[in-house]
C-alpha atoms as a PDB file:
ATOM      1  CA  MET A   1      26.952 -22.719 -55.240  1.00  0.00           C
ATOM      2  CA  ILE A   2      29.804 -20.787 -53.704  1.00  0.00           C
ATOM      3  CA  THR A   3      31.198 -22.438 -50.511  1.00  0.00           C
ATOM      4  CA  LEU A   4      33.553 -20.824 -48.061  1.00  0.00           C
ATOM      5  CA  THR A   5      35.739 -22.577 -45.685  1.00  0.00           C
ATOM      6  CA  GLU A   6      36.925 -21.368 -42.149  1.00  0.00           C
ATOM      7  CA  ALA A   7      40.474 -20.920 -43.448  1.00  0.00           C
ATOM      8  CA  GLN A   8      39.190 -18.595 -46.159  1.00  0.00           C
ATOM      9  CA  LEU A   9      37.098 -16.663 -43.819  1.00  0.00           C
ATOM     10  CA  SER A  10      39.938 -16.354 -41.264  1.00  0.00           C
ATOM     11  CA  ALA A  11      42.223 -15.174 -44.076  1.00  0.00           C
ATOM     12  CA  TRP A  12      39.812 -12.369 -45.106  1.00  0.00           C
ATOM     13  CA  LEU A  13      38.663 -11.280 -41.714  1.00  0.00           C
ATOM     14  CA  SER A  14      41.711 -11.713 -39.482  1.00  0.00           C
ATOM     15  CA  PRO A  15      43.654  -8.721 -40.765  1.00  0.00           C
ATOM     16  CA  VAL A  16      40.767  -6.404 -40.163  1.00  0.00           C
ATOM     17  CA  LEU A  17      38.968  -7.903 -37.045  1.00  0.00           C
ATOM     18  CA  TRP A  18      41.982  -7.950 -34.654  1.00  0.00           C
ATOM     19  CA  PRO A  19      42.900  -4.325 -35.317  1.00  0.00           C
ATOM     20  CA  PHE A  20      39.263  -3.434 -34.999  1.00  0.00           C
ATOM     21  CA  PHE A  21      39.137  -4.717 -31.498  1.00  0.00           C
ATOM     22  CA  ARG A  22      42.307  -2.957 -30.403  1.00  0.00           C
ATOM     23  CA  VAL A  23      41.149   0.397 -31.789  1.00  0.00           C
ATOM     24  CA  LEU A  24      37.635   0.019 -30.208  1.00  0.00           C
ATOM     25  CA  ALA A  25      39.258  -0.743 -26.890  1.00  0.00           C
ATOM     26  CA  VAL A  26      41.277   2.506 -27.149  1.00  0.00           C
ATOM     27  CA  PHE A  27      38.019   4.453 -27.909  1.00  0.00           C
ATOM     28  CA  THR A  28      36.514   2.901 -24.820  1.00  0.00           C
ATOM     29  CA  ALA A  29      39.249   4.224 -22.419  1.00  0.00           C
ATOM     30  CA  ALA A  30      40.896   7.129 -24.065  1.00  0.00           C
ATOM     31  CA  PRO A  31      39.909  10.724 -23.251  1.00  0.00           C
ATOM     32  CA  VAL A  32      37.793  12.566 -25.763  1.00  0.00           C
ATOM     33  CA  PHE A  33      37.120   9.352 -27.658  1.00  0.00           C
ATOM     34  CA  SER A  34      35.276   7.803 -24.589  1.00  0.00           C
ATOM     35  CA  MET A  35      33.069  10.818 -23.901  1.00  0.00           C
ATOM     36  CA  ARG A  36      29.327  10.310 -23.716  1.00  0.00           C
ATOM     37  CA  SER A  37      28.748  12.765 -26.437  1.00  0.00           C
ATOM     38  CA  PHE A  38      30.657  10.369 -28.794  1.00  0.00           C
ATOM     39  CA  PRO A  39      27.873   7.888 -29.838  1.00  0.00           C
ATOM     40  CA  MET A  40      28.791   4.164 -29.522  1.00  0.00           C
ATOM     41  CA  ARG A  41      27.762   3.588 -33.219  1.00  0.00           C
ATOM     42  CA  SER A  42      30.193   6.340 -34.369  1.00  0.00           C
ATOM     43  CA  LYS A  43      32.904   4.693 -32.282  1.00  0.00           C
ATOM     44  CA  VAL A  44      32.369   1.403 -33.847  1.00  0.00           C
ATOM     45  CA  GLY A  45      32.268   2.727 -37.338  1.00  0.00           C
ATOM     46  CA  LEU A  46      35.317   4.968 -36.849  1.00  0.00           C
ATOM     47  CA  ALA A  47      37.098   1.977 -35.253  1.00  0.00           C
ATOM     48  CA  LEU A  48      36.375  -0.197 -38.422  1.00  0.00           C
ATOM     49  CA  LEU A  49      37.511   2.558 -40.648  1.00  0.00           C
ATOM     50  CA  VAL A  50      40.714   2.981 -38.942  1.00  0.00           C
ATOM     51  CA  ALA A  51      41.256  -0.793 -39.178  1.00  0.00           C
ATOM     52  CA  LEU A  52      40.519  -0.825 -42.798  1.00  0.00           C
ATOM     53  CA  CYS A  53      42.696   2.112 -43.671  1.00  0.00           C
ATOM     54  CA  ALA A  54      45.690   0.642 -41.584  1.00  0.00           C
ATOM     55  CA  GLN A  55      45.729  -2.434 -43.660  1.00  0.00           C
ATOM     56  CA  ALA A  56      48.500  -1.058 -45.992  1.00  0.00           C
ATOM     57  CA  SER A  57      50.891  -0.813 -42.951  1.00  0.00           C
ATOM     58  CA  LEU A  58      49.766  -3.962 -41.155  1.00  0.00           C
ATOM     59  CA  SER A  59      51.105  -6.579 -43.672  1.00  0.00           C
ATOM     60  CA  GLY A  60      52.810  -9.616 -42.247  1.00  0.00           C
ATOM     61  CA  GLN A  61      50.678  -9.964 -39.263  1.00  0.00           C
ATOM     62  CA  PRO A  62      49.832 -13.646 -38.243  1.00  0.00           C
ATOM     63  CA  GLN A  63      46.456 -15.024 -39.085  1.00  0.00           C
ATOM     64  CA  VAL A  64      44.631 -16.318 -36.024  1.00  0.00           C
ATOM     65  CA  SER A  65      41.582 -18.551 -36.131  1.00  0.00           C
ATOM     66  CA  PHE A  66      38.379 -17.308 -34.552  1.00  0.00           C
ATOM     67  CA  THR A  67      37.517 -20.646 -32.973  1.00  0.00           C
ATOM     68  CA  GLY A  68      39.387 -22.298 -30.239  1.00  0.00           C
ATOM     69  CA  PRO A  69      41.371 -21.057 -27.119  1.00  0.00           C
ATOM     70  CA  LEU A  70      43.825 -19.142 -29.345  1.00  0.00           C
ATOM     71  CA  GLY A  71      41.165 -16.925 -30.629  1.00  0.00           C
ATOM     72  CA  LEU A  72      39.834 -16.036 -27.398  1.00  0.00           C
ATOM     73  CA  GLU A  73      43.488 -15.410 -26.175  1.00  0.00           C
ATOM     74  CA  THR A  74      44.084 -13.120 -28.992  1.00  0.00           C
ATOM     75  CA  LEU A  75      40.852 -11.178 -28.428  1.00  0.00           C
ATOM     76  CA  VAL A  76      41.822 -10.660 -24.778  1.00  0.00           C
ATOM     77  CA  GLN A  77      45.242  -9.542 -25.967  1.00  0.00           C
ATOM     78  CA  GLN A  78      43.812  -6.921 -28.453  1.00  0.00           C
ATOM     79  CA  VAL A  79      41.338  -5.493 -25.892  1.00  0.00           C
ATOM     80  CA  GLY A  80      44.127  -5.467 -23.175  1.00  0.00           C
ATOM     81  CA  ILE A  81      46.522  -3.559 -25.252  1.00  0.00           C
ATOM     82  CA  GLY A  82      43.846  -1.095 -26.364  1.00  0.00           C
ATOM     83  CA  LEU A  83      42.727  -0.470 -22.854  1.00  0.00           C
ATOM     84  CA  ALA A  84      46.315  -0.034 -21.686  1.00  0.00           C
ATOM     85  CA  LEU A  85      46.883   2.533 -24.249  1.00  0.00           C
ATOM     86  CA  GLY A  86      43.744   4.429 -23.503  1.00  0.00           C
ATOM     87  CA  PHE A  87      44.481   4.217 -19.691  1.00  0.00           C
ATOM     88  CA  ALA A  88      48.082   5.555 -20.315  1.00  0.00           C
ATOM     89  CA  VAL A  89      46.507   8.599 -22.293  1.00  0.00           C
ATOM     90  CA  ARG A  90      43.930   9.053 -19.453  1.00  0.00           C
ATOM     91  CA  VAL A  91      46.902   9.323 -16.967  1.00  0.00           C
ATOM     92  CA  VAL A  92      48.280  12.322 -18.761  1.00  0.00           C
ATOM     93  CA  PHE A  93      44.881  14.031 -18.395  1.00  0.00           C
ATOM     94  CA  SER A  94      44.672  13.066 -14.764  1.00  0.00           C
ATOM     95  CA  SER A  95      48.130  14.598 -14.140  1.00  0.00           C
ATOM     96  CA  MET A  96      46.934  18.015 -15.276  1.00  0.00           C
ATOM     97  CA  GLU A  97      43.745  17.602 -13.280  1.00  0.00           C
ATOM     98  CA  LEU A  98      45.634  16.764 -10.261  1.00  0.00           C
ATOM     99  CA  ALA A  99      47.925  19.793 -10.739  1.00  0.00           C
ATOM    100  CA  GLY A 100      44.683  21.856 -10.847  1.00  0.00           C
ATOM    101  CA  GLU A 101      43.449  20.233  -7.642  1.00  0.00           C
ATOM    102  CA  LEU A 102      46.779  21.034  -5.842  1.00  0.00           C
ATOM    103  CA  ILE A 103      46.687  24.750  -7.044  1.00  0.00           C
ATOM    104  CA  GLY A 104      43.023  24.925  -5.965  1.00  0.00           C
ATOM    105  CA  LEU A 105      43.846  23.599  -2.648  1.00  0.00           C
ATOM    106  CA  GLN A 106      46.526  26.282  -2.089  1.00  0.00           C
ATOM    107  CA  MET A 107      43.986  28.998  -3.342  1.00  0.00           C
ATOM    108  CA  GLY A 108      41.315  27.888  -0.965  1.00  0.00           C
ATOM    109  CA  LEU A 109      39.018  26.879  -3.860  1.00  0.00           C
ATOM    110  CA  ASN A 110      38.636  23.268  -3.158  1.00  0.00           C
ATOM    111  CA  PHE A 111      35.362  23.946  -1.459  1.00  0.00           C
ATOM    112  CA  ALA A 112      33.984  25.048  -4.875  1.00  0.00           C
ATOM    113  CA  THR A 113      33.242  21.489  -6.231  1.00  0.00           C
ATOM    114  CA  PHE A 114      31.085  20.665  -9.221  1.00  0.00           C
ATOM    115  CA  PHE A 115      29.765  17.394 -10.706  1.00  0.00           C
ATOM    116  CA  ASP A 116      31.906  16.209 -13.580  1.00  0.00           C
ATOM    117  CA  PRO A 117      29.675  14.198 -16.025  1.00  0.00           C
ATOM    118  CA  THR A 118      32.621  12.889 -17.921  1.00  0.00           C
ATOM    119  CA  SER A 119      33.998  10.854 -14.802  1.00  0.00           C
ATOM    120  CA  ASN A 120      30.799  10.880 -12.672  1.00  0.00           C
ATOM    121  CA  THR A 121      32.700  12.373  -9.732  1.00  0.00           C
ATOM    122  CA  GLN A 122      32.892  15.587  -7.831  1.00  0.00           C
ATOM    123  CA  ALA A 123      35.836  17.870  -8.947  1.00  0.00           C
ATOM    124  CA  SER A 124      37.051  21.204  -7.830  1.00  0.00           C
ATOM    125  CA  ALA A 125      36.646  24.306 -10.096  1.00  0.00           C
ATOM    126  CA  VAL A 126      40.362  24.649 -10.821  1.00  0.00           C
ATOM    127  CA  SER A 127      40.733  20.948 -11.546  1.00  0.00           C
ATOM    128  CA  LEU A 128      37.818  21.121 -14.009  1.00  0.00           C
ATOM    129  CA  PHE A 129      39.332  24.145 -15.649  1.00  0.00           C
ATOM    130  CA  PHE A 130      42.630  22.524 -16.087  1.00  0.00           C
ATOM    131  CA  GLY A 131      40.988  19.331 -17.456  1.00  0.00           C
ATOM    132  CA  HIS A 132      39.073  21.504 -20.067  1.00  0.00           C
ATOM    133  CA  MET A 133      42.359  23.161 -21.027  1.00  0.00           C
ATOM    134  CA  THR A 134      44.001  19.823 -21.418  1.00  0.00           C
ATOM    135  CA  VAL A 135      41.157  18.670 -23.690  1.00  0.00           C
ATOM    136  CA  LEU A 136      41.679  21.734 -25.788  1.00  0.00           C
ATOM    137  CA  LEU A 137      45.469  21.214 -26.058  1.00  0.00           C
ATOM    138  CA  PHE A 138      44.854  17.600 -26.923  1.00  0.00           C
ATOM    139  CA  ILE A 139      42.743  18.756 -29.923  1.00  0.00           C
ATOM    140  CA  VAL A 140      44.848  21.675 -31.050  1.00  0.00           C
ATOM    141  CA  MET A 141      48.110  19.489 -30.839  1.00  0.00           C
ATOM    142  CA  ASN A 142      46.533  16.659 -32.842  1.00  0.00           C
ATOM    143  CA  GLY A 143      46.669  14.324 -29.949  1.00  0.00           C
ATOM    144  CA  HIS A 144      43.727  12.274 -31.447  1.00  0.00           C
ATOM    145  CA  LEU A 145      45.797  11.669 -34.518  1.00  0.00           C
ATOM    146  CA  LEU A 146      48.749  10.749 -32.416  1.00  0.00           C
ATOM    147  CA  VAL A 147      46.712   8.206 -30.463  1.00  0.00           C
ATOM    148  CA  LEU A 148      45.519   6.653 -33.712  1.00  0.00           C
ATOM    149  CA  MET A 149      49.077   6.657 -34.999  1.00  0.00           C
ATOM    150  CA  ALA A 150      50.164   4.894 -31.749  1.00  0.00           C
ATOM    151  CA  VAL A 151      47.437   2.210 -32.068  1.00  0.00           C
ATOM    152  CA  VAL A 152      48.552   1.406 -35.734  1.00  0.00           C
ATOM    153  CA  ARG A 153      52.289   1.385 -34.770  1.00  0.00           C
ATOM    154  CA  SER A 154      51.659  -0.608 -31.796  1.00  0.00           C
ATOM    155  CA  PHE A 155      51.230  -3.684 -34.024  1.00  0.00           C
ATOM    156  CA  ASP A 156      54.986  -3.589 -34.871  1.00  0.00           C
ATOM    157  CA  ALA A 157      55.920  -3.618 -31.126  1.00  0.00           C
ATOM    158  CA  TYR A 158      53.121  -5.996 -30.032  1.00  0.00           C
ATOM    159  CA  PRO A 159      51.786  -7.989 -32.996  1.00  0.00           C
ATOM    160  CA  VAL A 160      48.728 -10.062 -33.079  1.00  0.00           C
ATOM    161  CA  GLY A 161      49.281 -13.281 -31.182  1.00  0.00           C
ATOM    162  CA  ALA A 162      51.887 -11.986 -28.705  1.00  0.00           C
ATOM    163  CA  SER A 163      51.449 -12.525 -25.011  1.00  0.00           C
ATOM    164  CA  LEU A 164      49.554  -9.821 -23.184  1.00  0.00           C
ATOM    165  CA  MET A 165      51.583 -10.349 -20.011  1.00  0.00           C
ATOM    166  CA  VAL A 166      54.843  -9.668 -22.002  1.00  0.00           C
ATOM    167  CA  MET A 167      53.372  -6.440 -23.232  1.00  0.00           C
ATOM    168  CA  LEU A 168      52.297  -5.337 -19.704  1.00  0.00           C
ATOM    169  CA  GLY A 169      55.820  -6.212 -18.557  1.00  0.00           C
ATOM    170  CA  LYS A 170      57.397  -3.952 -21.235  1.00  0.00           C
ATOM    171  CA  VAL A 171      54.999  -1.082 -20.797  1.00  0.00           C
ATOM    172  CA  ARG A 172      55.096  -1.107 -16.934  1.00  0.00           C
ATOM    173  CA  LEU A 173      51.955   0.767 -16.319  1.00  0.00           C
ATOM    174  CA  PHE A 174      52.804   1.350 -12.633  1.00  0.00           C
ATOM    175  CA  ASP A 175      55.655   3.652 -13.818  1.00  0.00           C
ATOM    176  CA  ILE A 176      53.006   5.762 -15.633  1.00  0.00           C
ATOM    177  CA  GLY A 177      51.270   6.165 -12.280  1.00  0.00           C
ATOM    178  CA  THR A 178      54.478   7.466 -10.734  1.00  0.00           C
ATOM    179  CA  ASP A 179      54.764  10.016 -13.606  1.00  0.00           C
ATOM    180  CA  LEU A 180      51.295  11.155 -12.724  1.00  0.00           C
ATOM    181  CA  PHE A 181      52.115  12.432  -9.330  1.00  0.00           C
ATOM    182  CA  ALA A 182      55.565  13.593 -10.340  1.00  0.00           C
ATOM    183  CA  SER A 183      54.210  15.615 -13.462  1.00  0.00           C
ATOM    184  CA  ALA A 184      51.406  17.058 -11.391  1.00  0.00           C
ATOM    185  CA  LEU A 185      53.714  18.341  -8.697  1.00  0.00           C
ATOM    186  CA  TRP A 186      56.076  19.871 -11.182  1.00  0.00           C
ATOM    187  CA  ILE A 187      53.246  21.727 -13.044  1.00  0.00           C
ATOM    188  CA  ALA A 188      51.757  22.993  -9.821  1.00  0.00           C
ATOM    189  CA  LEU A 189      55.122  23.715  -8.127  1.00  0.00           C
ATOM    190  CA  PRO A 190      55.396  27.489  -9.307  1.00  0.00           C
ATOM    191  CA  MET A 191      51.886  28.293  -8.175  1.00  0.00           C
ATOM    192  CA  ILE A 192      52.397  26.447  -4.864  1.00  0.00           C
ATOM    193  CA  ALA A 193      55.715  28.405  -4.242  1.00  0.00           C
ATOM    194  CA  VAL A 194      53.948  31.765  -4.937  1.00  0.00           C
ATOM    195  CA  LEU A 195      50.905  31.039  -2.779  1.00  0.00           C
ATOM    196  CA  LEU A 196      53.135  29.626  -0.051  1.00  0.00           C
ATOM    197  CA  LEU A 197      55.052  32.940  -0.083  1.00  0.00           C
ATOM    198  CA  ILE A 198      51.736  34.869   0.095  1.00  0.00           C
ATOM    199  CA  ASN A 199      50.593  32.820   3.159  1.00  0.00           C
ATOM    200  CA  LEU A 200      53.973  33.460   4.722  1.00  0.00           C
ATOM    201  CA  THR A 201      53.609  37.041   4.297  1.00  0.00           C
ATOM    202  CA  LEU A 202      50.039  37.173   5.637  1.00  0.00           C
ATOM    203  CA  GLY A 203      51.317  35.259   8.506  1.00  0.00           C
ATOM    204  CA  ILE A 204      54.046  37.928   9.256  1.00  0.00           C
ATOM    205  CA  ILE A 205      51.538  40.690   8.907  1.00  0.00           C
ATOM    206  CA  SER A 206      49.223  38.973  11.381  1.00  0.00           C
ATOM    207  CA  ARG A 207      52.114  39.025  13.888  1.00  0.00           C
ATOM    208  CA  VAL A 208      53.151  42.481  13.123  1.00  0.00           C
ATOM    209  CA  ALA A 209      49.565  44.045  13.294  1.00  0.00           C
ATOM    210  CA  PRO A 210      47.368  41.769  15.442  1.00  0.00           C
ATOM    211  CA  GLN A 211      44.426  44.127  15.324  1.00  0.00           C
ATOM    212  CA  MET A 212      44.112  43.376  11.524  1.00  0.00           C
ATOM    213  CA  ASN A 213      41.603  40.734  10.605  1.00  0.00           C
ATOM    214  CA  ILE A 214      43.862  38.502   8.494  1.00  0.00           C
ATOM    215  CA  TYR A 215      41.017  36.228   7.618  1.00  0.00           C
ATOM    216  CA  ALA A 216      39.159  39.031   6.014  1.00  0.00           C
ATOM    217  CA  ILE A 217      41.969  39.956   3.720  1.00  0.00           C
ATOM    218  CA  GLY A 218      43.711  36.561   3.348  1.00  0.00           C
ATOM    219  CA  PHE A 219      41.170  34.761   1.129  1.00  0.00           C
ATOM    220  CA  PRO A 220      40.826  37.766  -1.248  1.00  0.00           C
ATOM    221  CA  VAL A 221      44.536  38.154  -1.623  1.00  0.00           C
ATOM    222  CA  THR A 222      45.334  34.527  -2.190  1.00  0.00           C
ATOM    223  CA  LEU A 223      42.508  34.118  -4.668  1.00  0.00           C
ATOM    224  CA  THR A 224      43.515  37.134  -6.588  1.00  0.00           C
ATOM    225  CA  VAL A 225      47.103  35.982  -6.707  1.00  0.00           C
ATOM    226  CA  GLY A 226      46.097  32.523  -7.546  1.00  0.00           C
ATOM    227  CA  LEU A 227      43.928  33.639 -10.540  1.00  0.00           C
ATOM    228  CA  LEU A 228      46.815  36.027 -11.744  1.00  0.00           C
ATOM    229  CA  GLY A 229      49.289  33.095 -11.386  1.00  0.00           C
ATOM    230  CA  ILE A 230      47.080  30.736 -13.413  1.00  0.00           C
ATOM    231  CA  ALA A 231      46.666  33.374 -16.178  1.00  0.00           C
ATOM    232  CA  VAL A 232      50.536  33.892 -16.303  1.00  0.00           C
ATOM    233  CA  THR A 233      51.371  30.087 -16.330  1.00  0.00           C
ATOM    234  CA  LEU A 234      48.621  28.757 -18.395  1.00  0.00           C
ATOM    235  CA  PRO A 235      50.329  29.650 -21.791  1.00  0.00           C
ATOM    236  CA  MET A 236      53.201  27.487 -20.604  1.00  0.00           C
ATOM    237  CA  LEU A 237      51.073  24.393 -19.996  1.00  0.00           C
ATOM    238  CA  ASP A 238      51.540  22.964 -23.339  1.00  0.00           C
ATOM    239  CA  HIS A 239      55.297  22.110 -22.800  1.00  0.00           C
ATOM    240  CA  PRO A 240      54.754  19.643 -19.719  1.00  0.00           C
ATOM    241  CA  PHE A 241      51.772  18.197 -21.397  1.00  0.00           C
ATOM    242  CA  ALA A 242      53.432  17.516 -24.843  1.00  0.00           C
ATOM    243  CA  ALA A 243      56.461  15.972 -22.999  1.00  0.00           C
ATOM    244  CA  LEU A 244      54.352  13.670 -20.752  1.00  0.00           C
ATOM    245  CA  PHE A 245      52.160  12.719 -23.734  1.00  0.00           C
ATOM    246  CA  ALA A 246      55.017  12.058 -26.027  1.00  0.00           C
ATOM    247  CA  ARG A 247      56.711   9.830 -23.302  1.00  0.00           C
ATOM    248  CA  THR A 248      53.381   7.937 -23.029  1.00  0.00           C
ATOM    249  CA  ILE A 249      52.923   7.319 -26.690  1.00  0.00           C
ATOM    250  CA  ASP A 250      56.466   5.999 -26.956  1.00  0.00           C
ATOM    251  CA  LEU A 251      55.687   3.194 -24.737  1.00  0.00           C
ATOM    252  CA  PHE A 252      53.472   1.610 -27.378  1.00  0.00           C
ATOM    253  CA  VAL A 253      55.453   2.603 -30.505  1.00  0.00           C
ATOM    254  CA  ALA A 254      58.235   0.355 -31.884  1.00  0.00           C
ATOM    255  CA  HIS A 255      61.677   1.965 -32.307  1.00  0.00           C
END
């Protein structure tokens, strides 16, 4: 009769189980992977496949027993690191959506709101458009592969058994929140400047020709200029997205 000890089970399953939890946590929080159209069974299967395929590069990781407080602490650490990585990538998408929100505010299109099923919130049309463009950029630029690479390489920077608080102190997630507003403002700044100039011009026209109904021509002009400005600046959206995404991934990759 074949008998297995707890040490043998831990030696066989520990190299796969802890990476599995970290990857699954990333799939729970990261954009695209966390979409409702991505079935949960597929997430679990893909996370297990990534954990198995990454074994060649995860040699030397400490073995942690599943029983006892150390196993529970390790589980919390793996889930915390995975959620932190997914949240950081989500911030990159939110910065693009916030830029669209600012542009839509200047264009006067913030009243055109729609229900976003991915976030269960109301979002403006321009913000949703920028969000969809960001998803397309994410796929085209192989962002999903970079996220998987970051998960695997994060074991070099934050190995199994390390303290979760030390990881959070190194990553400094609150700095990522600062980048959200700064990047969104820089992306929307050209459009804000153009629309501000248009509004200033309309204000001068209303003072020079008071008999002209500025409200009747102001909205079509700002809307037309805004749409033209989006069409012109949209091909350049990949540069700030790639820079912000690379800076976010570097937080979890050992150098």
